[in-house]
Amino acid sequence: MTNDPSSPSAPKFLGQVSAMPSSPEEAILDYVPNPRAGELYLTRFAVPEFTSLCPVTGQPDFAHLVIDYAPAETIVESKSLKLFLGSFRNHAAFHEDCTVGIGKRLFDEMKPKWLRIGGYWYPRGGIPIDVFWQSDEPPKGLWIPDQGVASYRGRG
């Protein structure tokens, strides 16, 4: 379910007690008008404690997600984003599906000028998996800082 970004309604979750959605498909993302719609700038969400479930073993998987986007007419409301991301705790999917799915859903619904997501996953079976997706080439003139997440080095 989604909230129509063109709707003038107020965010559904801001200032309210809100239950965690039971799945990403049931999660509602709220979008609000961009207060700086005519300017080119980057917004970053860092999610250092993202969790989902392995679709094979059912064991928890952990990642540090970094979501960067250049807003257009709307921005995502952060509490609804937190609830959406939290809904993955009981969602069984491969790292690639989670990372790309989150990026595509935000891009398809919010319609920013540009979006990228980096999924820095902790090792599963001894192999760390990093997944990256972006909507397209970034707009000319957009300052894009490094995502700041070091490659996995293990204990050494």
N, C-alpha and C. Protein backbone atom coordinates (compact mmCIF):
# COMPACT_ATOMS: atom_id res chain seq x y z
N MET A 1 0.84 -1.18 0.00
CA MET A 1 0.00 0.00 0.00
C MET A 1 0.89 1.24 0.00
N THR A 2 0.42 2.28 -0.63
CA THR A 2 1.20 3.51 -0.68
C THR A 2 0.30 4.70 -0.39
N ASN A 3 0.93 5.78 -0.05
CA ASN A 3 0.23 7.04 0.12
C ASN A 3 0.49 7.84 -1.14
N ASP A 4 -0.54 8.31 -1.79
CA ASP A 4 -0.42 9.08 -3.02
C ASP A 4 0.33 10.38 -2.71
N PRO A 5 1.54 10.58 -3.30
CA PRO A 5 2.31 11.78 -3.01
C PRO A 5 1.62 13.07 -3.41
N SER A 6 0.67 13.02 -4.32
CA SER A 6 -0.02 14.24 -4.72
C SER A 6 -1.19 14.57 -3.79
N SER A 7 -1.50 13.68 -2.86
CA SER A 7 -2.60 13.91 -1.93
C SER A 7 -2.22 14.97 -0.90
N PRO A 8 -3.12 15.90 -0.60
CA PRO A 8 -2.81 16.94 0.37
C PRO A 8 -2.96 16.46 1.82
N SER A 9 -3.28 15.18 2.03
CA SER A 9 -3.49 14.69 3.39
C SER A 9 -2.20 14.70 4.19
N ALA A 10 -2.35 14.83 5.49
CA ALA A 10 -1.21 14.84 6.39
C ALA A 10 -0.64 13.43 6.51
N PRO A 11 0.62 13.32 6.88
CA PRO A 11 1.22 11.99 7.08
C PRO A 11 0.41 11.18 8.07
N LYS A 12 0.31 9.88 7.81
CA LYS A 12 -0.52 9.00 8.62
C LYS A 12 0.12 8.62 9.95
N PHE A 13 1.46 8.69 10.05
CA PHE A 13 2.14 8.16 11.22
C PHE A 13 2.75 9.21 12.12
N LEU A 14 3.10 10.35 11.58
CA LEU A 14 3.78 11.39 12.33
C LEU A 14 2.94 11.81 13.53
N GLY A 15 3.51 11.73 14.73
CA GLY A 15 2.80 12.12 15.95
C GLY A 15 1.82 11.09 16.46
N GLN A 16 1.77 9.91 15.85
CA GLN A 16 0.84 8.87 16.24
C GLN A 16 1.59 7.65 16.77
N VAL A 17 0.94 6.89 17.65
CA VAL A 17 1.47 5.59 18.04
C VAL A 17 1.21 4.67 16.86
N SER A 18 2.25 4.01 16.38
CA SER A 18 2.13 3.23 15.16
C SER A 18 2.70 1.83 15.36
N ALA A 19 1.94 0.83 14.96
CA ALA A 19 2.40 -0.55 15.03
C ALA A 19 3.29 -0.86 13.83
N MET A 20 4.24 -1.77 14.05
CA MET A 20 5.12 -2.20 12.96
C MET A 20 4.29 -2.99 11.95
N PRO A 21 4.36 -2.67 10.67
CA PRO A 21 3.65 -3.46 9.66
C PRO A 21 4.16 -4.90 9.68
N SER A 22 3.31 -5.84 9.35
CA SER A 22 3.70 -7.25 9.40
C SER A 22 4.53 -7.67 8.20
N SER A 23 4.56 -6.88 7.14
CA SER A 23 5.36 -7.20 5.96
C SER A 23 5.64 -5.91 5.19
N PRO A 24 6.67 -5.93 4.34
CA PRO A 24 6.94 -4.74 3.52
C PRO A 24 5.77 -4.39 2.60
N GLU A 25 5.07 -5.41 2.12
CA GLU A 25 3.93 -5.15 1.22
C GLU A 25 2.80 -4.41 1.94
N GLU A 26 2.64 -4.62 3.23
CA GLU A 26 1.59 -3.95 3.99
C GLU A 26 2.00 -2.58 4.49
N ALA A 27 3.29 -2.28 4.44
CA ALA A 27 3.79 -1.00 4.94
C ALA A 27 3.36 0.14 4.03
N ILE A 28 2.99 1.23 4.64
CA ILE A 28 2.60 2.44 3.90
C ILE A 28 3.71 3.46 4.04
N LEU A 29 4.20 3.94 2.92
CA LEU A 29 5.19 5.01 2.93
C LEU A 29 4.47 6.33 2.70
N ASP A 30 4.72 7.28 3.60
CA ASP A 30 4.14 8.61 3.46
C ASP A 30 5.13 9.53 2.76
N TYR A 31 4.60 10.38 1.91
CA TYR A 31 5.41 11.38 1.22
C TYR A 31 4.79 12.74 1.49
N VAL A 32 5.64 13.73 1.69
CA VAL A 32 5.17 15.08 1.95
C VAL A 32 5.80 16.01 0.91
N PRO A 33 5.21 17.18 0.70
CA PRO A 33 5.80 18.12 -0.28
C PRO A 33 7.23 18.50 0.10
N ASN A 34 8.08 18.57 -0.90
CA ASN A 34 9.46 18.98 -0.70
C ASN A 34 9.50 20.48 -0.45
N PRO A 35 9.98 20.92 0.72
CA PRO A 35 10.00 22.36 0.99
C PRO A 35 11.03 23.12 0.14
N ARG A 36 11.91 22.42 -0.55
CA ARG A 36 12.93 23.03 -1.41
C ARG A 36 12.88 22.38 -2.80
N ALA A 37 11.68 22.22 -3.31
CA ALA A 37 11.47 21.49 -4.57
C ALA A 37 12.26 22.03 -5.74
N GLY A 38 12.58 23.30 -5.78
CA GLY A 38 13.30 23.87 -6.91
C GLY A 38 14.80 23.76 -6.81
N GLU A 39 15.32 23.19 -5.73
CA GLU A 39 16.77 23.13 -5.53
C GLU A 39 17.30 21.71 -5.70
N LEU A 40 18.53 21.60 -6.13
CA LEU A 40 19.19 20.30 -6.27
C LEU A 40 19.99 20.05 -4.99
N TYR A 41 19.61 19.02 -4.26
CA TYR A 41 20.33 18.64 -3.04
C TYR A 41 20.16 17.15 -2.80
N LEU A 42 20.97 16.62 -1.90
CA LEU A 42 20.96 15.21 -1.59
C LEU A 42 20.46 14.98 -0.16
N THR A 43 19.62 13.99 0.00
CA THR A 43 19.17 13.55 1.32
C THR A 43 19.70 12.14 1.54
N ARG A 44 20.20 11.87 2.74
CA ARG A 44 20.76 10.56 3.06
C ARG A 44 20.09 9.99 4.31
N PHE A 45 19.72 8.71 4.21
CA PHE A 45 19.27 7.94 5.37
C PHE A 45 20.30 6.84 5.59
N ALA A 46 20.86 6.76 6.79
CA ALA A 46 21.77 5.69 7.16
C ALA A 46 21.01 4.77 8.12
N VAL A 47 21.02 3.49 7.80
CA VAL A 47 20.27 2.49 8.57
C VAL A 47 21.27 1.42 9.01
N PRO A 48 21.97 1.64 10.13
CA PRO A 48 23.05 0.73 10.51
C PRO A 48 22.60 -0.59 11.13
N GLU A 49 21.32 -0.74 11.42
CA GLU A 49 20.85 -1.95 12.09
C GLU A 49 19.67 -2.60 11.35
N PHE A 50 19.74 -2.65 10.03
CA PHE A 50 18.68 -3.27 9.23
C PHE A 50 18.73 -4.78 9.40
N THR A 51 17.57 -5.41 9.51
CA THR A 51 17.51 -6.87 9.62
C THR A 51 16.41 -7.42 8.73
N SER A 52 16.67 -8.62 8.22
CA SER A 52 15.68 -9.42 7.49
C SER A 52 15.99 -10.87 7.82
N LEU A 53 15.31 -11.79 7.15
CA LEU A 53 15.53 -13.21 7.39
C LEU A 53 16.06 -13.90 6.15
N CYS A 54 16.93 -14.87 6.34
CA CYS A 54 17.40 -15.70 5.24
C CYS A 54 16.23 -16.53 4.73
N PRO A 55 15.97 -16.53 3.43
CA PRO A 55 14.83 -17.29 2.91
C PRO A 55 15.05 -18.81 2.93
N VAL A 56 16.27 -19.23 3.16
CA VAL A 56 16.57 -20.67 3.18
C VAL A 56 16.57 -21.21 4.60
N THR A 57 17.30 -20.53 5.50
CA THR A 57 17.45 -21.04 6.87
C THR A 57 16.51 -20.40 7.88
N GLY A 58 15.97 -19.21 7.56
CA GLY A 58 15.14 -18.49 8.51
C GLY A 58 15.94 -17.74 9.56
N GLN A 59 17.26 -17.78 9.46
CA GLN A 59 18.13 -17.08 10.40
C GLN A 59 18.16 -15.59 10.06
N PRO A 60 18.41 -14.73 11.07
CA PRO A 60 18.46 -13.29 10.79
C PRO A 60 19.68 -12.90 9.98
N ASP A 61 19.48 -11.93 9.10
CA ASP A 61 20.54 -11.30 8.33
C ASP A 61 20.61 -9.83 8.76
N PHE A 62 21.80 -9.28 8.77
CA PHE A 62 22.01 -7.91 9.23
C PHE A 62 22.74 -7.11 8.16
N ALA A 63 22.36 -5.85 8.03
CA ALA A 63 22.99 -4.98 7.05
C ALA A 63 23.05 -3.55 7.55
N HIS A 64 23.95 -2.80 6.95
CA HIS A 64 24.01 -1.36 7.10
C HIS A 64 23.57 -0.81 5.74
N LEU A 65 22.40 -0.18 5.70
CA LEU A 65 21.89 0.40 4.46
C LEU A 65 22.19 1.89 4.44
N VAL A 66 22.50 2.40 3.26
CA VAL A 66 22.64 3.84 3.05
C VAL A 66 21.80 4.19 1.83
N ILE A 67 20.81 5.06 2.04
CA ILE A 67 19.90 5.49 0.98
C ILE A 67 20.15 6.97 0.71
N ASP A 68 20.55 7.28 -0.52
CA ASP A 68 20.78 8.65 -0.95
C ASP A 68 19.78 8.99 -2.05
N TYR A 69 19.17 10.17 -1.96
CA TYR A 69 18.30 10.58 -3.06
C TYR A 69 18.28 12.09 -3.23
N ALA A 70 18.03 12.51 -4.46
CA ALA A 70 17.86 13.92 -4.79
C ALA A 70 16.36 14.13 -4.96
N PRO A 71 15.72 14.77 -3.99
CA PRO A 71 14.26 14.93 -4.05
C PRO A 71 13.80 15.78 -5.22
N ALA A 72 12.59 15.48 -5.67
CA ALA A 72 11.92 16.30 -6.68
C ALA A 72 10.78 17.04 -5.97
N GLU A 73 9.55 16.63 -6.23
CA GLU A 73 8.39 17.32 -5.65
C GLU A 73 8.03 16.85 -4.24
N THR A 74 8.46 15.62 -3.87
CA THR A 74 8.11 15.10 -2.55
C THR A 74 9.36 14.53 -1.86
N ILE A 75 9.24 14.38 -0.54
CA ILE A 75 10.25 13.70 0.26
C ILE A 75 9.54 12.62 1.05
N VAL A 76 10.27 11.57 1.43
CA VAL A 76 9.67 10.50 2.21
C VAL A 76 9.67 10.93 3.68
N GLU A 77 8.58 10.69 4.36
CA GLU A 77 8.46 11.00 5.78
C GLU A 77 9.23 9.93 6.54
N SER A 78 10.15 10.34 7.42
CA SER A 78 11.11 9.41 8.01
C SER A 78 10.49 8.37 8.94
N LYS A 79 9.42 8.68 9.65
CA LYS A 79 8.81 7.67 10.51
C LYS A 79 8.19 6.56 9.67
N SER A 80 7.54 6.90 8.57
CA SER A 80 6.98 5.86 7.72
C SER A 80 8.09 5.02 7.10
N LEU A 81 9.24 5.65 6.79
CA LEU A 81 10.38 4.90 6.27
C LEU A 81 10.90 3.93 7.33
N LYS A 82 10.99 4.40 8.56
CA LYS A 82 11.45 3.54 9.66
C LYS A 82 10.53 2.34 9.83
N LEU A 83 9.23 2.54 9.77
CA LEU A 83 8.28 1.43 9.90
C LEU A 83 8.38 0.48 8.71
N PHE A 84 8.53 1.02 7.51
CA PHE A 84 8.70 0.19 6.31
C PHE A 84 9.94 -0.69 6.45
N LEU A 85 11.07 -0.08 6.81
CA LEU A 85 12.30 -0.84 6.94
C LEU A 85 12.22 -1.85 8.08
N GLY A 86 11.56 -1.50 9.16
CA GLY A 86 11.38 -2.42 10.27
C GLY A 86 10.53 -3.63 9.91
N SER A 87 9.66 -3.47 8.92
CA SER A 87 8.78 -4.57 8.51
C SER A 87 9.55 -5.72 7.87
N PHE A 88 10.82 -5.50 7.55
CA PHE A 88 11.64 -6.56 6.97
C PHE A 88 12.15 -7.54 8.02
N ARG A 89 11.98 -7.24 9.30
CA ARG A 89 12.50 -8.11 10.37
C ARG A 89 11.99 -9.54 10.26
N ASN A 90 10.79 -9.71 9.79
CA ASN A 90 10.20 -11.05 9.65
C ASN A 90 9.99 -11.42 8.19
N HIS A 91 10.69 -10.74 7.30
CA HIS A 91 10.55 -10.95 5.87
C HIS A 91 11.72 -11.78 5.37
N ALA A 92 11.43 -12.88 4.73
CA ALA A 92 12.48 -13.76 4.21
C ALA A 92 12.77 -13.41 2.76
N ALA A 93 13.99 -12.94 2.50
CA ALA A 93 14.40 -12.58 1.14
C ALA A 93 15.91 -12.53 1.07
N PHE A 94 16.44 -12.76 -0.13
CA PHE A 94 17.86 -12.64 -0.34
C PHE A 94 18.29 -11.18 -0.25
N HIS A 95 19.57 -10.96 0.01
CA HIS A 95 20.11 -9.60 0.16
C HIS A 95 19.78 -8.74 -1.05
N GLU A 96 19.96 -9.30 -2.24
CA GLU A 96 19.73 -8.55 -3.47
C GLU A 96 18.26 -8.10 -3.56
N ASP A 97 17.34 -8.99 -3.20
CA ASP A 97 15.91 -8.67 -3.27
C ASP A 97 15.56 -7.55 -2.30
N CYS A 98 16.07 -7.64 -1.07
CA CYS A 98 15.78 -6.59 -0.08
C CYS A 98 16.33 -5.25 -0.54
N THR A 99 17.61 -5.21 -0.88
CA THR A 99 18.26 -3.95 -1.21
C THR A 99 17.63 -3.29 -2.44
N VAL A 100 17.55 -4.03 -3.53
CA VAL A 100 17.00 -3.47 -4.77
C VAL A 100 15.51 -3.16 -4.61
N GLY A 101 14.79 -4.01 -3.91
CA GLY A 101 13.36 -3.78 -3.70
C GLY A 101 13.07 -2.50 -2.94
N ILE A 102 13.87 -2.22 -1.91
CA ILE A 102 13.70 -0.98 -1.15
C ILE A 102 13.97 0.22 -2.06
N GLY A 103 15.07 0.18 -2.78
CA GLY A 103 15.41 1.29 -3.67
C GLY A 103 14.35 1.53 -4.74
N LYS A 104 13.90 0.47 -5.39
CA LYS A 104 12.90 0.61 -6.46
C LYS A 104 11.58 1.11 -5.92
N ARG A 105 11.16 0.62 -4.74
CA ARG A 105 9.87 1.08 -4.21
C ARG A 105 9.93 2.57 -3.90
N LEU A 106 10.99 3.01 -3.25
CA LEU A 106 11.12 4.44 -2.97
C LEU A 106 11.17 5.26 -4.26
N PHE A 107 11.93 4.79 -5.24
CA PHE A 107 12.05 5.52 -6.50
C PHE A 107 10.72 5.56 -7.25
N ASP A 108 10.05 4.42 -7.34
CA ASP A 108 8.79 4.35 -8.09
C ASP A 108 7.69 5.19 -7.46
N GLU A 109 7.65 5.24 -6.14
CA GLU A 109 6.57 5.98 -5.47
C GLU A 109 6.87 7.45 -5.28
N MET A 110 8.08 7.77 -4.84
CA MET A 110 8.43 9.15 -4.52
C MET A 110 8.80 9.95 -5.77
N LYS A 111 9.33 9.25 -6.79
CA LYS A 111 9.74 9.88 -8.03
C LYS A 111 10.78 10.99 -7.82
N PRO A 112 11.88 10.67 -7.11
CA PRO A 112 12.94 11.67 -6.95
C PRO A 112 13.69 11.87 -8.26
N LYS A 113 14.54 12.88 -8.29
CA LYS A 113 15.38 13.10 -9.47
C LYS A 113 16.38 11.96 -9.64
N TRP A 114 16.81 11.38 -8.52
CA TRP A 114 17.81 10.31 -8.54
C TRP A 114 17.81 9.63 -7.18
N LEU A 115 18.11 8.34 -7.17
CA LEU A 115 18.18 7.59 -5.92
C LEU A 115 19.20 6.47 -6.07
N ARG A 116 19.94 6.24 -4.98
CA ARG A 116 20.82 5.07 -4.91
C ARG A 116 20.71 4.47 -3.52
N ILE A 117 20.97 3.17 -3.44
CA ILE A 117 20.99 2.48 -2.16
C ILE A 117 22.19 1.55 -2.14
N GLY A 118 22.89 1.56 -1.02
CA GLY A 118 23.98 0.63 -0.78
C GLY A 118 23.58 -0.27 0.36
N GLY A 119 23.62 -1.57 0.13
CA GLY A 119 23.34 -2.56 1.17
C GLY A 119 24.64 -3.26 1.53
N TYR A 120 25.15 -2.96 2.71
CA TYR A 120 26.41 -3.54 3.18
C TYR A 120 26.05 -4.63 4.18
N TRP A 121 25.97 -5.86 3.69
CA TRP A 121 25.48 -6.99 4.47
C TRP A 121 26.62 -7.69 5.22
N TYR A 122 26.33 -8.07 6.43
CA TYR A 122 27.30 -8.82 7.22
C TYR A 122 27.35 -10.25 6.70
N PRO A 123 28.45 -10.96 6.96
CA PRO A 123 28.65 -12.29 6.34
C PRO A 123 27.52 -13.28 6.63
N ARG A 124 27.18 -14.01 5.58
CA ARG A 124 26.31 -15.18 5.68
C ARG A 124 27.13 -16.31 5.08
N GLY A 125 27.33 -17.37 5.86
CA GLY A 125 28.15 -18.47 5.37
C GLY A 125 29.58 -18.06 5.12
N GLY A 126 30.06 -17.05 5.85
CA GLY A 126 31.43 -16.61 5.73
C GLY A 126 31.69 -15.62 4.61
N ILE A 127 30.67 -15.22 3.85
CA ILE A 127 30.87 -14.30 2.73
C ILE A 127 30.01 -13.05 2.92
N PRO A 128 30.67 -11.89 3.09
CA PRO A 128 29.87 -10.66 3.12
C PRO A 128 29.38 -10.35 1.70
N ILE A 129 28.17 -9.85 1.61
CA ILE A 129 27.57 -9.52 0.31
C ILE A 129 27.17 -8.04 0.34
N ASP A 130 27.70 -7.27 -0.58
CA ASP A 130 27.31 -5.86 -0.71
C ASP A 130 26.50 -5.72 -1.99
N VAL A 131 25.38 -5.01 -1.89
CA VAL A 131 24.46 -4.86 -3.02
C VAL A 131 24.23 -3.37 -3.25
N PHE A 132 24.35 -2.93 -4.51
CA PHE A 132 24.19 -1.52 -4.84
C PHE A 132 23.20 -1.38 -6.00
N TRP A 133 22.35 -0.35 -5.92
CA TRP A 133 21.40 -0.07 -7.00
C TRP A 133 21.24 1.44 -7.08
N GLN A 134 21.14 1.94 -8.29
CA GLN A 134 20.79 3.35 -8.47
C GLN A 134 19.84 3.48 -9.64
N SER A 135 19.04 4.54 -9.60
CA SER A 135 17.98 4.73 -10.58
C SER A 135 18.53 5.08 -11.96
N ASP A 136 19.62 5.84 -12.02
CA ASP A 136 20.17 6.33 -13.28
C ASP A 136 21.44 7.10 -12.95
N GLU A 137 21.98 7.79 -13.93
CA GLU A 137 23.11 8.66 -13.67
C GLU A 137 22.64 9.80 -12.75
N PRO A 138 23.48 10.23 -11.82
CA PRO A 138 23.06 11.35 -10.97
C PRO A 138 22.96 12.65 -11.75
N PRO A 139 22.10 13.56 -11.29
CA PRO A 139 21.97 14.85 -11.97
C PRO A 139 23.30 15.62 -11.94
N LYS A 140 23.58 16.32 -13.01
CA LYS A 140 24.80 17.13 -13.10
C LYS A 140 24.78 18.18 -11.99
N GLY A 141 25.89 18.27 -11.28
CA GLY A 141 26.02 19.26 -10.22
C GLY A 141 25.61 18.77 -8.84
N LEU A 142 25.11 17.56 -8.73
CA LEU A 142 24.71 17.02 -7.41
C LEU A 142 25.94 16.56 -6.66
N TRP A 143 26.14 17.06 -5.46
CA TRP A 143 27.25 16.63 -4.62
C TRP A 143 26.86 15.30 -3.97
N ILE A 144 27.66 14.27 -4.22
CA ILE A 144 27.36 12.94 -3.69
C ILE A 144 28.55 12.48 -2.86
N PRO A 145 28.46 12.62 -1.54
CA PRO A 145 29.56 12.15 -0.70
C PRO A 145 29.65 10.63 -0.72
N ASP A 146 30.84 10.11 -0.39
CA ASP A 146 31.03 8.68 -0.24
C ASP A 146 30.04 8.16 0.82
N GLN A 147 29.58 6.94 0.66
CA GLN A 147 28.61 6.41 1.60
C GLN A 147 29.21 6.13 2.98
N GLY A 148 30.52 6.06 3.08
CA GLY A 148 31.16 6.01 4.39
C GLY A 148 31.11 4.68 5.11
N VAL A 149 30.79 3.62 4.41
CA VAL A 149 30.75 2.31 5.04
C VAL A 149 31.96 1.51 4.55
N ALA A 150 32.79 1.12 5.49
CA ALA A 150 34.01 0.39 5.13
C ALA A 150 33.68 -1.01 4.66
N SER A 151 34.52 -1.54 3.77
CA SER A 151 34.39 -2.93 3.37
C SER A 151 34.58 -3.82 4.59
N TYR A 152 33.94 -4.97 4.58
CA TYR A 152 34.03 -5.88 5.72
C TYR A 152 35.44 -6.41 5.87
N ARG A 153 35.99 -6.29 7.05
CA ARG A 153 37.36 -6.72 7.30
C ARG A 153 37.43 -7.89 8.28
N GLY A 154 36.31 -8.36 8.78
CA GLY A 154 36.33 -9.46 9.75
C GLY A 154 36.95 -9.02 11.06
N ARG A 155 37.67 -9.91 11.68
CA ARG A 155 38.25 -9.61 12.99
C ARG A 155 39.70 -9.19 12.91
N GLY A 156 40.26 -9.13 11.72
CA GLY A 156 41.68 -8.86 11.62
C GLY A 156 41.97 -7.54 11.09
